[in-house]
Amino acid sequence: MTEVEDVKSSWFKKGATLSDKSARKEFGLTQEEIIKGIEDGKLHYHVNSVFGSPYLKLIRSEVEAFVDEKHGSSCLKKKKIKKELAQTNKELKMLKIQVATLELKKSTLQASLDEFEKMIRES
């Protein structure tokens, strides 16, 4: 696949694009750096809008290469690790909530079972 074909197909792959806001948050870029990358031809973009608010849609692999070139591969690796750690912490928090909910359900069911067995013994 040529570079042009790869860019074209990237617009349609799930997770292959991100907004300029996400690029700023995830990779620590400034809006000025993103605009400069676009002007230098290093970043392709589409202008999209949500509820009338415009944003730039960027290709993730290009943003990663841009960050790697601008700040070095160690910076990109650090950002990826931080993102994965945040995702893992989020999942752990959700699992802890699920465990607490199931523990509450378990104790309620156990209390109901104990009450039912007591009622049967007394009759």
Foldseek 3Di string as FASTA:
>chain_A
DDPVVVVVVLVPDPPQKDWPVCLCVLQVDDPVLVVVCVVVVLWDWDWDDDPRHIITITGVVSSLVSSCVPPNPVSSVVSVVVVVVVVVVVVVVVVVVVVVVVVVVVVVVVVVVVVVVVVVVVD
